[in-house]
Amino acid sequence: MLDEMDRVVLTEDLSEEELQAGDEGLVVMVYRHGVGGYTGPDGYTVEFRRDREEEDWPEYRHVNLHPDQVRPIRHASDEKPAGINA
């Protein structure tokens, strides 16, 4: 399960949101069934930002997603060298 402020990558195209698989975003809200009285399905609100000028696209877009629609972004600095146990 992801946490707020985790960087993620979209795993599928969302044409209605004008987003494509591979677009990167930031988790700004986490929804967990049964936590804090929340009764809906697990999911996230993810913020996507466009660097290029587009008339119909706001600078930031917030999209509610299911857990299978995003995955965490892995960077080389996240990898542990072989033989290191943490």
C-alpha atoms as a PDB file:
ATOM      1  CA  MET A   1       0.000   0.000   0.000  1.00  0.00           C
ATOM      2  CA  LEU A   2       1.251   3.442  -0.886  1.00  0.00           C
ATOM      3  CA  ASP A   3       1.417   6.418   1.467  1.00  0.00           C
ATOM      4  CA  GLU A   4       0.765  10.119   1.018  1.00  0.00           C
ATOM      5  CA  MET A   5       3.623  11.908  -0.763  1.00  0.00           C
ATOM      6  CA  ASP A   6       4.775   8.722  -2.550  1.00  0.00           C
ATOM      7  CA  ARG A   7       5.716   9.260  -6.187  1.00  0.00           C
ATOM      8  CA  VAL A   8       3.875   6.922  -8.534  1.00  0.00           C
ATOM      9  CA  VAL A   9       3.562   6.045 -12.199  1.00  0.00           C
ATOM     10  CA  LEU A  10       0.262   5.415 -13.955  1.00  0.00           C
ATOM     11  CA  THR A  11      -0.098   1.827 -15.220  1.00  0.00           C
ATOM     12  CA  GLU A  12      -2.855   2.412 -17.789  1.00  0.00           C
ATOM     13  CA  ASP A  13      -4.146   5.094 -20.127  1.00  0.00           C
ATOM     14  CA  LEU A  14      -6.970   7.278 -18.799  1.00  0.00           C
ATOM     15  CA  SER A  15      -8.223   8.969 -21.947  1.00  0.00           C
ATOM     16  CA  GLU A  16     -11.062  10.795 -20.158  1.00  0.00           C
ATOM     17  CA  GLU A  17      -8.415  12.480 -17.967  1.00  0.00           C
ATOM     18  CA  GLU A  18      -5.952  12.921 -20.865  1.00  0.00           C
ATOM     19  CA  LEU A  19      -3.374  10.823 -19.011  1.00  0.00           C
ATOM     20  CA  GLN A  20      -1.210   8.029 -20.396  1.00  0.00           C
ATOM     21  CA  ALA A  21       0.435   4.986 -18.864  1.00  0.00           C
ATOM     22  CA  GLY A  22       3.848   6.114 -17.665  1.00  0.00           C
ATOM     23  CA  ASP A  23       2.718   9.571 -16.499  1.00  0.00           C
ATOM     24  CA  GLU A  24       4.158  10.331 -13.060  1.00  0.00           C
ATOM     25  CA  GLY A  25       2.225  11.750 -10.146  1.00  0.00           C
ATOM     26  CA  LEU A  26       2.215  12.316  -6.390  1.00  0.00           C
ATOM     27  CA  VAL A  27      -0.149  10.595  -3.947  1.00  0.00           C
ATOM     28  CA  VAL A  28      -1.944  13.373  -2.048  1.00  0.00           C
ATOM     29  CA  MET A  29      -4.630  11.285  -0.305  1.00  0.00           C
ATOM     30  CA  VAL A  30      -4.875   7.624   0.689  1.00  0.00           C
ATOM     31  CA  TYR A  31      -8.203   5.849   1.221  1.00  0.00           C
ATOM     32  CA  ARG A  32      -8.131   2.620   3.244  1.00  0.00           C
ATOM     33  CA  HIS A  33     -11.317   0.660   3.808  1.00  0.00           C
ATOM     34  CA  GLY A  34     -12.173   0.546   7.508  1.00  0.00           C
ATOM     35  CA  VAL A  35      -9.714   3.260   8.573  1.00  0.00           C
ATOM     36  CA  GLY A  36     -11.205   6.333  10.216  1.00  0.00           C
ATOM     37  CA  GLY A  37     -14.734   5.207   9.428  1.00  0.00           C
ATOM     38  CA  TYR A  38     -14.089   5.118   5.659  1.00  0.00           C
ATOM     39  CA  THR A  39     -16.284   2.419   4.087  1.00  0.00           C
ATOM     40  CA  GLY A  40     -15.367   2.748   0.410  1.00  0.00           C
ATOM     41  CA  PRO A  41     -12.753   0.781  -1.535  1.00  0.00           C
ATOM     42  CA  ASP A  42      -9.007   1.293  -1.101  1.00  0.00           C
ATOM     43  CA  GLY A  43      -7.598   3.931  -3.407  1.00  0.00           C
ATOM     44  CA  TYR A  44      -5.665   7.146  -3.879  1.00  0.00           C
ATOM     45  CA  THR A  45      -6.020  10.706  -5.035  1.00  0.00           C
ATOM     46  CA  VAL A  46      -3.006  11.380  -7.233  1.00  0.00           C
ATOM     47  CA  GLU A  47      -1.837  14.789  -8.406  1.00  0.00           C
ATOM     48  CA  PHE A  48      -0.514  15.015 -11.951  1.00  0.00           C
ATOM     49  CA  ARG A  49       1.251  18.103 -13.274  1.00  0.00           C
ATOM     50  CA  ARG A  50       1.712  19.240 -16.860  1.00  0.00           C
ATOM     51  CA  ASP A  51       4.870  21.142 -17.678  1.00  0.00           C
ATOM     52  CA  ARG A  52       3.744  22.094 -21.154  1.00  0.00           C
ATOM     53  CA  GLU A  53       1.127  24.712 -21.990  1.00  0.00           C
ATOM     54  CA  GLU A  54      -2.231  23.182 -22.840  1.00  0.00           C
ATOM     55  CA  GLU A  55      -5.369  25.255 -23.118  1.00  0.00           C
ATOM     56  CA  ASP A  56      -7.782  22.708 -21.655  1.00  0.00           C
ATOM     57  CA  TRP A  57      -5.444  21.224 -19.058  1.00  0.00           C
ATOM     58  CA  PRO A  58      -4.966  22.872 -15.650  1.00  0.00           C
ATOM     59  CA  GLU A  59      -1.428  23.052 -14.303  1.00  0.00           C
ATOM     60  CA  TYR A  60      -2.374  20.370 -11.754  1.00  0.00           C
ATOM     61  CA  ARG A  61      -4.981  17.642 -12.053  1.00  0.00           C
ATOM     62  CA  HIS A  62      -6.209  15.454  -9.174  1.00  0.00           C
ATOM     63  CA  VAL A  63      -7.517  12.017 -10.099  1.00  0.00           C
ATOM     64  CA  ASN A  64      -8.995   9.290  -7.875  1.00  0.00           C
ATOM     65  CA  LEU A  65      -7.450   5.920  -8.711  1.00  0.00           C
ATOM     66  CA  HIS A  66      -7.671   2.269  -7.704  1.00  0.00           C
ATOM     67  CA  PRO A  67      -4.492   0.621  -6.348  1.00  0.00           C
ATOM     68  CA  ASP A  68      -3.979  -1.366  -9.580  1.00  0.00           C
ATOM     69  CA  GLN A  69      -3.853   1.840 -11.655  1.00  0.00           C
ATOM     70  CA  VAL A  70      -0.560   3.074 -10.145  1.00  0.00           C
ATOM     71  CA  ARG A  71       2.724   1.653  -8.924  1.00  0.00           C
ATOM     72  CA  PRO A  72       5.542   3.246  -6.920  1.00  0.00           C
ATOM     73  CA  ILE A  73       8.394   4.844  -8.825  1.00  0.00           C
ATOM     74  CA  ARG A  74      11.658   3.033  -8.202  1.00  0.00           C
ATOM     75  CA  HIS A  75      14.934   4.897  -8.534  1.00  0.00           C
ATOM     76  CA  ALA A  76      18.453   3.512  -8.573  1.00  0.00           C
ATOM     77  CA  SER A  77      19.029   5.175  -5.185  1.00  0.00           C
ATOM     78  CA  ASP A  78      16.195   3.021  -3.756  1.00  0.00           C
ATOM     79  CA  GLU A  79      18.040  -0.201  -4.571  1.00  0.00           C
ATOM     80  CA  LYS A  80      20.178  -1.842  -1.888  1.00  0.00           C
ATOM     81  CA  PRO A  81      23.610  -3.137  -2.873  1.00  0.00           C
ATOM     82  CA  ALA A  82      23.854  -6.934  -2.981  1.00  0.00           C
ATOM     83  CA  GLY A  83      24.657  -8.489   0.388  1.00  0.00           C
ATOM     84  CA  ILE A  84      23.272  -5.583   2.437  1.00  0.00           C
ATOM     85  CA  ASN A  85      20.459  -6.446   4.845  1.00  0.00           C
ATOM     86  CA  ALA A  86      18.432  -3.632   6.325  1.00  0.00           C
END
